[in-house]
């Protein structure tokens, strides 16, 4: 007889990252124990009020702040933003952007334009030469 399988669990930090929330702002019950896959799926499908509130008003983790500002996480660091921000703080930055934010948004736009150019170039090359190259994977 084989032993019963233990359910797959994830650490609170992993669950917070996957949920897009700032772990220190989550309730202590969430921070102090591992979640099973079923519990995590339940949080995603029908989030409790505390989770909906964190997603709506923050504080938000740095990747979410960067995404909402339209810049990279590195751009946040260059701008001196090291802490989590609330939705109100992000909105204030967007309404009256400091010089560093304008610069970072322009940089991010250039990066996206270059990525689109490279993607288009690669698509054109693929149409011209559909045979796979041995040096490419």
N, C-alpha and C. Protein backbone atom coordinates (compact mmCIF):
# COMPACT_ATOMS: atom_id res chain seq x y z
N UNK A 1 0.84 -1.17 0.00
CA UNK A 1 0.00 0.00 0.00
C UNK A 1 0.89 1.24 0.00
N UNK A 2 0.58 2.20 -0.89
CA UNK A 2 1.38 3.41 -0.98
C UNK A 2 0.84 4.45 -0.01
N UNK A 3 1.74 5.27 0.53
CA UNK A 3 1.28 6.32 1.45
C UNK A 3 0.45 7.36 0.71
N UNK A 4 -0.45 7.98 1.42
CA UNK A 4 -1.28 9.04 0.82
C UNK A 4 -0.40 10.22 0.42
N UNK A 5 -0.69 10.77 -0.74
CA UNK A 5 0.09 11.91 -1.22
C UNK A 5 -0.29 13.16 -0.44
N UNK A 6 0.72 13.94 -0.11
CA UNK A 6 0.45 15.21 0.55
C UNK A 6 0.09 16.23 -0.51
N UNK A 7 -0.80 17.15 -0.20
CA UNK A 7 -1.19 18.14 -1.21
C UNK A 7 -0.02 19.09 -1.51
N UNK A 8 0.03 19.54 -2.75
CA UNK A 8 1.06 20.49 -3.16
C UNK A 8 0.80 21.83 -2.48
N UNK A 9 1.85 22.41 -1.89
CA UNK A 9 1.69 23.68 -1.20
C UNK A 9 2.66 24.72 -1.76
N UNK A 10 2.39 25.98 -1.46
CA UNK A 10 3.31 27.05 -1.84
C UNK A 10 3.47 28.00 -0.67
N UNK A 11 4.65 28.58 -0.60
CA UNK A 11 4.96 29.52 0.47
C UNK A 11 4.15 30.79 0.28
N UNK A 12 3.92 31.53 1.36
CA UNK A 12 3.15 32.76 1.25
C UNK A 12 3.75 33.77 0.26
N UNK A 13 5.08 33.87 0.21
CA UNK A 13 5.71 34.81 -0.71
C UNK A 13 5.42 34.44 -2.16
N UNK A 14 5.44 33.15 -2.46
CA UNK A 14 5.13 32.70 -3.81
C UNK A 14 3.68 32.97 -4.16
N UNK A 15 2.78 32.68 -3.23
CA UNK A 15 1.36 32.92 -3.46
C UNK A 15 1.10 34.42 -3.66
N UNK A 16 1.73 35.27 -2.85
CA UNK A 16 1.55 36.71 -2.98
C UNK A 16 2.04 37.20 -4.34
N UNK A 17 3.17 36.68 -4.77
CA UNK A 17 3.71 37.08 -6.07
C UNK A 17 2.75 36.68 -7.19
N UNK A 18 2.23 35.46 -7.12
CA UNK A 18 1.30 34.99 -8.15
C UNK A 18 -0.02 35.75 -8.11
N UNK A 19 -0.42 36.21 -6.94
CA UNK A 19 -1.67 36.98 -6.81
C UNK A 19 -1.47 38.46 -7.11
N UNK A 20 -0.20 38.90 -7.20
CA UNK A 20 0.09 40.30 -7.48
C UNK A 20 -0.17 41.23 -6.32
N UNK A 21 0.10 40.73 -5.10
CA UNK A 21 -0.11 41.56 -3.91
C UNK A 21 1.19 41.72 -3.14
N UNK A 22 1.23 42.74 -2.30
CA UNK A 22 2.37 43.03 -1.44
C UNK A 22 2.21 42.22 -0.17
N UNK A 23 3.08 41.24 0.05
CA UNK A 23 2.94 40.30 1.16
C UNK A 23 2.81 40.97 2.53
N UNK A 24 3.64 41.96 2.89
CA UNK A 24 3.49 42.56 4.22
C UNK A 24 2.13 43.22 4.47
N UNK A 25 1.39 43.53 3.42
CA UNK A 25 0.08 44.15 3.58
C UNK A 25 -1.04 43.11 3.72
N UNK A 26 -0.72 41.85 3.48
CA UNK A 26 -1.72 40.78 3.58
C UNK A 26 -1.98 40.46 5.06
N UNK A 27 -3.13 39.87 5.36
CA UNK A 27 -3.41 39.49 6.75
C UNK A 27 -2.40 38.47 7.27
N UNK A 28 -2.20 38.46 8.56
CA UNK A 28 -1.20 37.57 9.16
C UNK A 28 -1.53 36.10 8.90
N UNK A 29 -2.82 35.75 8.82
CA UNK A 29 -3.19 34.35 8.54
C UNK A 29 -2.63 33.91 7.18
N UNK A 30 -2.59 34.84 6.21
CA UNK A 30 -2.05 34.54 4.89
C UNK A 30 -0.53 34.47 4.94
N UNK A 31 0.10 35.36 5.69
CA UNK A 31 1.55 35.46 5.74
C UNK A 31 2.22 34.31 6.48
N UNK A 32 1.52 33.68 7.40
CA UNK A 32 2.16 32.75 8.32
C UNK A 32 2.01 31.27 7.97
N UNK A 33 1.31 30.95 6.90
CA UNK A 33 1.17 29.53 6.59
C UNK A 33 1.22 29.29 5.09
N UNK A 34 1.59 28.08 4.73
CA UNK A 34 1.62 27.70 3.33
C UNK A 34 0.20 27.44 2.84
N UNK A 35 -0.02 27.66 1.55
CA UNK A 35 -1.33 27.43 0.95
C UNK A 35 -1.28 26.18 0.08
N UNK A 36 -2.35 25.41 0.10
CA UNK A 36 -2.44 24.29 -0.82
C UNK A 36 -2.85 24.84 -2.18
N UNK A 37 -2.67 24.04 -3.20
CA UNK A 37 -3.06 24.45 -4.55
C UNK A 37 -4.56 24.76 -4.59
N UNK A 38 -5.36 23.97 -3.90
CA UNK A 38 -6.80 24.20 -3.87
C UNK A 38 -7.15 25.52 -3.22
N UNK A 39 -6.49 25.85 -2.10
CA UNK A 39 -6.74 27.12 -1.43
C UNK A 39 -6.34 28.30 -2.32
N UNK A 40 -5.22 28.14 -3.00
CA UNK A 40 -4.75 29.19 -3.91
C UNK A 40 -5.75 29.41 -5.04
N UNK A 41 -6.22 28.31 -5.64
CA UNK A 41 -7.20 28.41 -6.73
C UNK A 41 -8.48 29.08 -6.24
N UNK A 42 -8.88 28.77 -5.01
CA UNK A 42 -10.08 29.39 -4.45
C UNK A 42 -9.88 30.90 -4.28
N UNK A 43 -8.68 31.32 -3.85
CA UNK A 43 -8.39 32.74 -3.72
C UNK A 43 -8.47 33.44 -5.07
N UNK A 44 -8.01 32.77 -6.11
CA UNK A 44 -8.05 33.36 -7.45
C UNK A 44 -9.48 33.46 -7.98
N UNK A 45 -10.25 32.41 -7.79
CA UNK A 45 -11.59 32.36 -8.37
C UNK A 45 -12.59 33.23 -7.62
N UNK A 46 -12.53 33.23 -6.32
CA UNK A 46 -13.44 34.09 -5.54
C UNK A 46 -12.64 34.75 -4.42
N UNK A 47 -11.97 35.86 -4.77
CA UNK A 47 -11.11 36.52 -3.78
C UNK A 47 -11.90 37.10 -2.61
N UNK A 48 -11.38 36.92 -1.40
CA UNK A 48 -12.02 37.54 -0.23
C UNK A 48 -11.86 39.06 -0.30
N UNK A 49 -12.58 39.75 0.54
CA UNK A 49 -12.58 41.21 0.51
C UNK A 49 -11.17 41.80 0.70
N UNK A 50 -10.37 41.21 1.60
CA UNK A 50 -9.03 41.76 1.85
C UNK A 50 -8.17 41.67 0.60
N UNK A 51 -8.32 40.60 -0.19
CA UNK A 51 -7.53 40.44 -1.41
C UNK A 51 -8.02 41.43 -2.48
N UNK A 52 -9.33 41.55 -2.63
CA UNK A 52 -9.87 42.51 -3.60
C UNK A 52 -9.45 43.94 -3.24
N UNK A 53 -9.45 44.24 -1.96
CA UNK A 53 -9.04 45.58 -1.50
C UNK A 53 -7.56 45.84 -1.79
N UNK A 54 -6.71 44.86 -1.53
CA UNK A 54 -5.28 45.02 -1.82
C UNK A 54 -5.04 45.20 -3.31
N UNK A 55 -5.73 44.44 -4.12
CA UNK A 55 -5.56 44.57 -5.57
C UNK A 55 -6.07 45.92 -6.06
N UNK A 56 -7.12 46.41 -5.45
CA UNK A 56 -7.74 47.67 -5.89
C UNK A 56 -6.93 48.88 -5.42
N UNK A 57 -6.56 48.92 -4.14
CA UNK A 57 -5.97 50.13 -3.55
C UNK A 57 -4.51 50.00 -3.12
N UNK A 58 -3.99 48.78 -3.06
CA UNK A 58 -2.61 48.58 -2.67
C UNK A 58 -2.43 48.58 -1.18
N UNK A 59 -1.23 48.63 -0.71
CA UNK A 59 -0.01 48.90 -1.46
C UNK A 59 0.32 47.77 -2.44
N UNK A 60 0.90 48.16 -3.57
CA UNK A 60 1.21 47.23 -4.64
C UNK A 60 2.70 46.90 -4.63
N UNK A 61 3.07 45.66 -5.00
CA UNK A 61 4.49 45.31 -5.10
C UNK A 61 5.13 46.03 -6.29
N UNK A 62 6.42 46.09 -6.29
CA UNK A 62 7.16 46.84 -7.31
C UNK A 62 6.82 46.43 -8.75
N UNK A 63 6.70 45.14 -9.07
CA UNK A 63 6.35 44.81 -10.47
C UNK A 63 4.99 45.37 -10.89
N UNK A 64 4.04 45.39 -9.97
CA UNK A 64 2.72 45.94 -10.28
C UNK A 64 2.81 47.46 -10.42
N UNK A 65 3.58 48.11 -9.56
CA UNK A 65 3.77 49.56 -9.64
C UNK A 65 4.40 49.92 -10.98
N UNK A 66 5.44 49.18 -11.36
CA UNK A 66 6.10 49.45 -12.63
C UNK A 66 5.14 49.28 -13.80
N UNK A 67 4.35 48.22 -13.78
CA UNK A 67 3.39 47.97 -14.86
C UNK A 67 2.36 49.09 -14.93
N UNK A 68 1.85 49.53 -13.80
CA UNK A 68 0.85 50.60 -13.79
C UNK A 68 1.43 51.93 -14.25
N UNK A 69 2.71 52.16 -14.00
CA UNK A 69 3.36 53.39 -14.45
C UNK A 69 3.87 53.29 -15.88
N UNK A 70 3.89 52.09 -16.44
CA UNK A 70 4.35 51.91 -17.82
C UNK A 70 5.86 51.96 -17.95
N UNK A 71 6.56 51.49 -16.91
CA UNK A 71 8.02 51.48 -16.94
C UNK A 71 8.51 50.13 -16.43
N UNK A 72 9.82 49.96 -16.43
CA UNK A 72 10.40 48.72 -15.92
C UNK A 72 10.66 48.82 -14.42
N UNK A 73 10.89 47.67 -13.78
CA UNK A 73 11.24 47.66 -12.36
C UNK A 73 12.58 48.37 -12.17
N UNK A 74 13.49 48.21 -13.12
CA UNK A 74 14.77 48.92 -13.05
C UNK A 74 14.56 50.42 -13.12
N UNK A 75 13.58 50.84 -13.92
CA UNK A 75 13.25 52.27 -14.02
C UNK A 75 12.76 52.81 -12.69
N UNK A 76 12.01 51.99 -11.95
CA UNK A 76 11.58 52.40 -10.61
C UNK A 76 12.79 52.66 -9.73
N UNK A 77 13.74 51.75 -9.77
CA UNK A 77 14.95 51.89 -8.94
C UNK A 77 15.73 53.14 -9.35
N UNK A 78 15.85 53.36 -10.66
CA UNK A 78 16.56 54.56 -11.10
C UNK A 78 15.84 55.83 -10.66
N UNK A 79 14.52 55.76 -10.55
CA UNK A 79 13.74 56.90 -10.11
C UNK A 79 13.72 57.06 -8.60
N UNK A 80 14.32 56.14 -7.89
CA UNK A 80 14.40 56.23 -6.43
C UNK A 80 13.20 55.65 -5.71
N UNK A 81 12.33 54.91 -6.42
CA UNK A 81 11.17 54.31 -5.78
C UNK A 81 11.58 52.92 -5.30
N UNK A 82 11.65 52.76 -4.00
CA UNK A 82 12.09 51.48 -3.43
C UNK A 82 11.00 50.80 -2.61
N UNK A 83 9.94 51.53 -2.30
CA UNK A 83 8.88 50.96 -1.46
C UNK A 83 7.64 50.69 -2.30
N UNK A 84 6.72 49.96 -1.71
CA UNK A 84 5.45 49.69 -2.36
C UNK A 84 4.63 50.98 -2.38
N UNK A 85 3.83 51.15 -3.44
CA UNK A 85 3.00 52.34 -3.56
C UNK A 85 1.52 51.96 -3.60
N UNK A 86 0.69 52.86 -3.14
CA UNK A 86 -0.75 52.65 -3.21
C UNK A 86 -1.26 53.14 -4.57
N UNK A 87 -2.49 52.79 -4.87
CA UNK A 87 -3.10 53.23 -6.12
C UNK A 87 -3.17 54.76 -6.16
N UNK A 88 -3.47 55.39 -5.03
CA UNK A 88 -3.54 56.86 -4.98
C UNK A 88 -2.18 57.48 -5.28
N UNK A 89 -1.10 56.90 -4.76
CA UNK A 89 0.24 57.42 -5.03
C UNK A 89 0.60 57.24 -6.50
N UNK A 90 0.23 56.12 -7.07
CA UNK A 90 0.51 55.87 -8.49
C UNK A 90 -0.26 56.85 -9.36
N UNK A 91 -1.52 57.07 -9.02
CA UNK A 91 -2.35 58.02 -9.76
C UNK A 91 -1.76 59.43 -9.68
N UNK A 92 -1.29 59.82 -8.51
CA UNK A 92 -0.68 61.14 -8.35
C UNK A 92 0.57 61.27 -9.22
N UNK A 93 1.38 60.23 -9.28
CA UNK A 93 2.57 60.25 -10.14
C UNK A 93 2.19 60.38 -11.61
N UNK A 94 1.14 59.69 -12.02
CA UNK A 94 0.71 59.75 -13.42
C UNK A 94 0.09 61.10 -13.78
N UNK A 95 -0.59 61.73 -12.84
CA UNK A 95 -1.23 63.01 -13.11
C UNK A 95 -0.23 64.15 -13.16
N UNK A 96 0.82 64.07 -12.37
CA UNK A 96 1.85 65.10 -12.36
C UNK A 96 3.21 64.39 -12.38
N UNK A 97 3.59 63.84 -13.55
CA UNK A 97 4.79 63.01 -13.59
C UNK A 97 6.09 63.79 -13.37
N UNK A 98 6.93 63.28 -12.48
CA UNK A 98 8.25 63.89 -12.29
C UNK A 98 9.13 63.61 -13.52
N UNK A 99 10.22 64.32 -13.63
CA UNK A 99 11.09 64.20 -14.80
C UNK A 99 11.59 62.76 -14.99
N UNK A 100 11.93 62.07 -13.90
CA UNK A 100 12.44 60.71 -14.03
C UNK A 100 11.39 59.78 -14.64
N UNK A 101 10.12 59.99 -14.31
CA UNK A 101 9.05 59.14 -14.84
C UNK A 101 8.86 59.40 -16.33
N UNK A 102 8.91 60.65 -16.74
CA UNK A 102 8.79 60.98 -18.17
C UNK A 102 9.93 60.31 -18.94
N UNK A 103 11.13 60.40 -18.41
CA UNK A 103 12.30 59.79 -19.06
C UNK A 103 12.16 58.27 -19.14
N UNK A 104 11.75 57.65 -18.04
CA UNK A 104 11.60 56.19 -18.02
C UNK A 104 10.50 55.70 -18.96
N UNK A 105 9.41 56.46 -19.03
CA UNK A 105 8.32 56.07 -19.95
C UNK A 105 8.79 56.17 -21.40
N UNK A 106 9.59 57.20 -21.70
CA UNK A 106 10.14 57.33 -23.06
C UNK A 106 11.10 56.18 -23.36
N UNK A 107 11.92 55.84 -22.39
CA UNK A 107 12.85 54.71 -22.56
C UNK A 107 12.08 53.42 -22.81
N UNK A 108 11.03 53.21 -22.03
CA UNK A 108 10.22 51.99 -22.18
C UNK A 108 9.54 51.96 -23.54
N UNK A 109 9.09 53.10 -24.04
CA UNK A 109 8.48 53.17 -25.37
C UNK A 109 9.49 52.80 -26.45
N UNK A 110 10.73 53.26 -26.29
CA UNK A 110 11.79 52.92 -27.24
C UNK A 110 12.08 51.42 -27.22
N UNK A 111 12.11 50.85 -26.02
CA UNK A 111 12.36 49.41 -25.89
C UNK A 111 11.26 48.61 -26.57
N UNK A 112 10.02 49.01 -26.37
CA UNK A 112 8.89 48.31 -27.00
C UNK A 112 8.93 48.46 -28.52
N UNK A 113 9.27 49.65 -29.00
CA UNK A 113 9.36 49.88 -30.45
C UNK A 113 10.46 49.01 -31.05
N UNK A 114 11.59 48.92 -30.37
CA UNK A 114 12.69 48.09 -30.86
C UNK A 114 12.30 46.62 -30.86
N UNK A 115 11.61 46.17 -29.82
CA UNK A 115 11.16 44.78 -29.77
C UNK A 115 10.19 44.49 -30.91
N UNK A 116 9.30 45.42 -31.21
CA UNK A 116 8.36 45.23 -32.32
C UNK A 116 9.11 45.20 -33.65
N UNK A 117 10.13 46.05 -33.81
CA UNK A 117 10.92 46.07 -35.04
C UNK A 117 11.64 44.75 -35.24
N UNK A 118 12.24 44.24 -34.19
CA UNK A 118 12.96 42.96 -34.28
C UNK A 118 12.00 41.82 -34.59
N UNK A 119 10.84 41.83 -33.97
CA UNK A 119 9.84 40.79 -34.23
C UNK A 119 9.40 40.83 -35.69
N UNK A 120 9.16 42.02 -36.21
CA UNK A 120 8.76 42.16 -37.62
C UNK A 120 9.88 41.70 -38.55
N UNK A 121 11.12 42.08 -38.24
CA UNK A 121 12.26 41.65 -39.05
C UNK A 121 12.38 40.13 -39.06
N UNK A 122 12.23 39.52 -37.90
CA UNK A 122 12.32 38.06 -37.82
C UNK A 122 11.19 37.38 -38.57
N UNK A 123 10.00 37.98 -38.54
CA UNK A 123 8.87 37.41 -39.28
C UNK A 123 9.12 37.50 -40.78
N UNK A 124 9.69 38.61 -41.24
CA UNK A 124 10.02 38.74 -42.66
C UNK A 124 11.09 37.74 -43.07
N UNK A 125 12.08 37.57 -42.24
CA UNK A 125 13.13 36.58 -42.54
C UNK A 125 12.56 35.17 -42.60
N UNK A 126 11.63 34.87 -41.72
CA UNK A 126 11.02 33.54 -41.70
C UNK A 126 10.21 33.30 -42.97
N UNK A 127 9.57 34.34 -43.50
CA UNK A 127 8.82 34.20 -44.74
C UNK A 127 9.75 33.99 -45.93
N UNK A 128 10.89 34.68 -45.92
CA UNK A 128 11.83 34.57 -47.02
C UNK A 128 12.60 33.25 -46.99
N UNK A 129 12.91 32.77 -45.80
CA UNK A 129 13.70 31.55 -45.64
C UNK A 129 13.01 30.64 -44.63
N UNK A 130 11.98 29.88 -45.07
CA UNK A 130 11.23 29.06 -44.12
C UNK A 130 11.99 27.85 -43.60
N UNK A 131 13.12 27.49 -44.22
CA UNK A 131 13.87 26.34 -43.76
C UNK A 131 14.58 26.69 -42.45
N UNK A 132 14.47 25.84 -41.43
CA UNK A 132 15.14 26.12 -40.16
C UNK A 132 16.65 26.05 -40.31
N UNK A 133 17.31 26.94 -39.65
CA UNK A 133 18.78 26.98 -39.68
C UNK A 133 19.32 26.07 -38.60
N UNK A 134 20.41 25.34 -38.89
CA UNK A 134 20.94 24.41 -37.87
C UNK A 134 21.49 25.14 -36.65
N UNK A 135 21.91 26.40 -36.78
CA UNK A 135 22.47 27.12 -35.65
C UNK A 135 21.38 27.77 -34.78
N UNK A 136 20.14 27.74 -35.23
CA UNK A 136 19.03 28.31 -34.46
C UNK A 136 18.21 27.19 -33.83
N UNK A 137 17.75 27.44 -32.63
CA UNK A 137 16.91 26.44 -31.94
C UNK A 137 15.49 26.88 -31.92
